């Protein structure tokens, strides 16, 4: 059997792509990977196209794209719509830029909090600063992956 027509079970696909088996199953449930055929014994059987698609998904995820973005890119990949792909990427860049700004604000707040400490006071000024009412942290959705 040639490499192109090679058939493999989920463990081999996981090793080949560096993807956890549970993640592969999750991508199947989410519709990012087609449900593979099964052997008579019930084992999933994958081919080279599945490995290529999984590599594509993993590359998108390494760029911090969410599953909806990956799903859209997979659909665009089949149709070759460069303008739509570019627009999706531009929107993703905007989300990343907003997260960077939120993380920079978080860094400023943490540095200001740390600067309260002289190392000589009896009570810890950092802990007092954390306990002050009204000193709420930035909303997590501004820092985490929220889109």
Protein backbone atom coordinates (compact mmCIF):
# COMPACT_ATOMS: atom_id res chain seq x y z
CA UNK A 1 0.00 0.00 0.00
CA UNK A 2 1.45 3.41 -0.91
CA UNK A 3 1.89 6.11 1.68
CA UNK A 4 -0.87 8.16 0.01
CA UNK A 5 -3.37 5.31 0.40
CA UNK A 6 -2.09 4.30 3.81
CA UNK A 7 -4.74 3.42 6.37
CA UNK A 8 -4.13 3.89 10.07
CA UNK A 9 -5.90 3.59 13.36
CA UNK A 10 -6.43 6.52 15.72
CA UNK A 11 -3.29 5.85 17.79
CA UNK A 12 -1.08 5.99 14.71
CA UNK A 13 -2.82 9.16 13.50
CA UNK A 14 -2.26 10.66 16.95
CA UNK A 15 1.47 9.82 16.86
CA UNK A 16 1.86 10.96 13.26
CA UNK A 17 0.28 14.36 13.92
CA UNK A 18 1.28 14.92 17.55
CA UNK A 19 -2.38 15.11 18.53
CA UNK A 20 -3.97 13.53 21.59
CA UNK A 21 -6.51 10.82 20.81
CA UNK A 22 -9.15 12.66 22.85
CA UNK A 23 -8.50 15.78 20.76
CA UNK A 24 -8.99 13.84 17.53
CA UNK A 25 -12.29 12.50 18.85
CA UNK A 26 -13.28 16.02 19.92
CA UNK A 27 -12.57 17.36 16.42
CA UNK A 28 -14.76 14.58 15.01
CA UNK A 29 -17.61 15.49 17.39
CA UNK A 30 -17.22 19.15 16.38
CA UNK A 31 -17.38 18.22 12.70
CA UNK A 32 -13.86 19.41 11.91
CA UNK A 33 -12.83 15.88 10.97
CA UNK A 34 -15.12 13.53 9.12
CA UNK A 35 -16.31 10.53 11.04
CA UNK A 36 -14.01 7.79 9.80
CA UNK A 37 -15.10 4.38 8.63
CA UNK A 38 -14.62 1.55 11.10
CA UNK A 39 -13.26 -1.93 10.83
CA UNK A 40 -15.44 -4.93 11.64
CA UNK A 41 -13.86 -4.81 15.10
CA UNK A 42 -15.00 -1.18 15.51
CA UNK A 43 -11.63 0.56 15.10
CA UNK A 44 -11.61 3.94 13.40
CA UNK A 45 -9.61 3.91 10.15
CA UNK A 46 -7.96 7.10 8.87
CA UNK A 47 -6.10 7.95 5.69
CA UNK A 48 -3.53 10.47 4.51
CA UNK A 49 -6.24 13.07 3.82
CA UNK A 50 -7.33 12.88 7.46
CA UNK A 51 -3.73 13.44 8.60
CA UNK A 52 -3.40 16.44 6.26
CA UNK A 53 -6.67 17.93 7.53
CA UNK A 54 -5.58 17.36 11.14
CA UNK A 55 -2.27 19.10 10.45
CA UNK A 56 -4.23 22.06 9.00
CA UNK A 57 -6.49 22.19 12.08
CA UNK A 58 -3.51 21.99 14.44
CA UNK A 59 -1.72 24.80 12.57
CA UNK A 60 -4.81 27.01 12.87
CA UNK A 61 -5.11 26.19 16.56
CA UNK A 62 -1.40 26.99 17.06
CA UNK A 63 -2.28 30.45 15.74
CA UNK A 64 -4.91 30.61 18.51
CA UNK A 65 -7.88 30.37 16.19
CA UNK A 66 -11.07 29.12 17.78
CA UNK A 67 -13.03 26.16 16.43
CA UNK A 68 -15.54 28.37 14.60
CA UNK A 69 -12.69 30.11 12.75
CA UNK A 70 -11.08 26.77 11.93
CA UNK A 71 -14.42 25.45 10.67
CA UNK A 72 -14.79 28.49 8.41
CA UNK A 73 -11.23 28.14 7.10
CA UNK A 74 -11.80 24.47 6.33
CA UNK A 75 -14.89 25.42 4.32
CA UNK A 76 -12.96 28.17 2.55
CA UNK A 77 -10.09 25.78 1.88
CA UNK A 78 -12.45 23.64 -0.17
CA UNK A 79 -13.64 26.65 -2.18
CA UNK A 80 -10.48 28.74 -2.41
CA UNK A 81 -11.97 32.12 -1.42
CA UNK A 82 -8.92 34.26 -0.73
CA UNK A 83 -10.79 37.50 0.05
CA UNK A 84 -12.97 35.79 2.68
CA UNK A 85 -9.96 34.05 4.15
CA UNK A 86 -8.11 37.34 4.37
CA UNK A 87 -11.10 38.99 6.07
CA UNK A 88 -11.28 36.20 8.64
CA UNK A 89 -7.57 36.52 9.32
CA UNK A 90 -7.88 40.31 9.65
CA UNK A 91 -10.66 39.87 12.23
CA UNK A 92 -8.51 37.35 14.12
CA UNK A 93 -5.61 39.81 14.11
CA UNK A 94 -7.97 42.38 15.65
CA UNK A 95 -8.89 39.93 18.44
CA UNK A 96 -5.22 39.19 19.06
CA UNK A 97 -4.38 42.91 19.17
CA UNK A 98 -7.16 43.54 21.70
CA UNK A 99 -5.89 40.69 23.86
CA UNK A 100 -2.34 42.05 23.68
CA UNK A 101 -3.58 45.46 24.83
CA UNK A 102 -5.49 43.85 27.71
CA UNK A 103 -2.42 41.84 28.71
CA UNK A 104 -0.26 44.98 28.61
CA UNK A 105 -2.77 46.71 30.92
CA UNK A 106 -2.67 43.68 33.22
CA UNK A 107 1.13 43.86 33.26
CA UNK A 108 1.00 47.56 34.20
CA UNK A 109 -1.41 46.81 37.06
CA UNK A 110 0.76 43.96 38.34
CA UNK A 111 3.92 46.08 38.18
CA UNK A 112 2.18 48.91 40.05
CA UNK A 113 1.04 46.44 42.69
CA UNK A 114 4.52 44.98 43.01
CA UNK A 115 6.00 48.50 43.26
CA UNK A 116 4.03 49.02 46.48
CA UNK A 117 6.39 46.62 48.23
CA UNK A 118 9.47 48.08 49.90
CA UNK A 119 10.39 44.80 51.51
CA UNK A 120 10.73 46.47 54.89
CA UNK A 121 7.16 47.11 56.03
CA UNK A 122 5.50 44.87 58.58
CA UNK A 123 2.29 44.30 56.63
CA UNK A 124 2.59 43.35 52.99
CA UNK A 125 1.54 46.31 50.83
CA UNK A 126 0.86 43.98 47.90
CA UNK A 127 -1.64 41.94 49.90
CA UNK A 128 -3.24 45.13 51.21
CA UNK A 129 -3.54 46.41 47.64
CA UNK A 130 -5.17 43.19 46.51
CA UNK A 131 -7.69 43.43 49.35
CA UNK A 132 -8.74 47.02 48.59
CA UNK A 133 -12.35 47.39 47.47
CA UNK A 134 -12.73 48.82 44.00
CA UNK A 135 -9.42 47.39 42.83
CA UNK A 136 -11.11 44.89 40.55
CA UNK A 137 -9.04 43.01 37.99
CA UNK A 138 -9.72 43.42 34.28
CA UNK A 139 -12.48 41.19 32.96
CA UNK A 140 -11.11 37.80 31.95
CA UNK A 141 -12.83 37.86 28.62
CA UNK A 142 -10.58 40.74 27.59
CA UNK A 143 -7.49 38.67 28.23
CA UNK A 144 -8.60 35.15 27.45
CA UNK A 145 -9.61 33.83 24.04
CA UNK A 146 -13.10 35.28 23.86
CA UNK A 147 -14.04 35.30 20.21
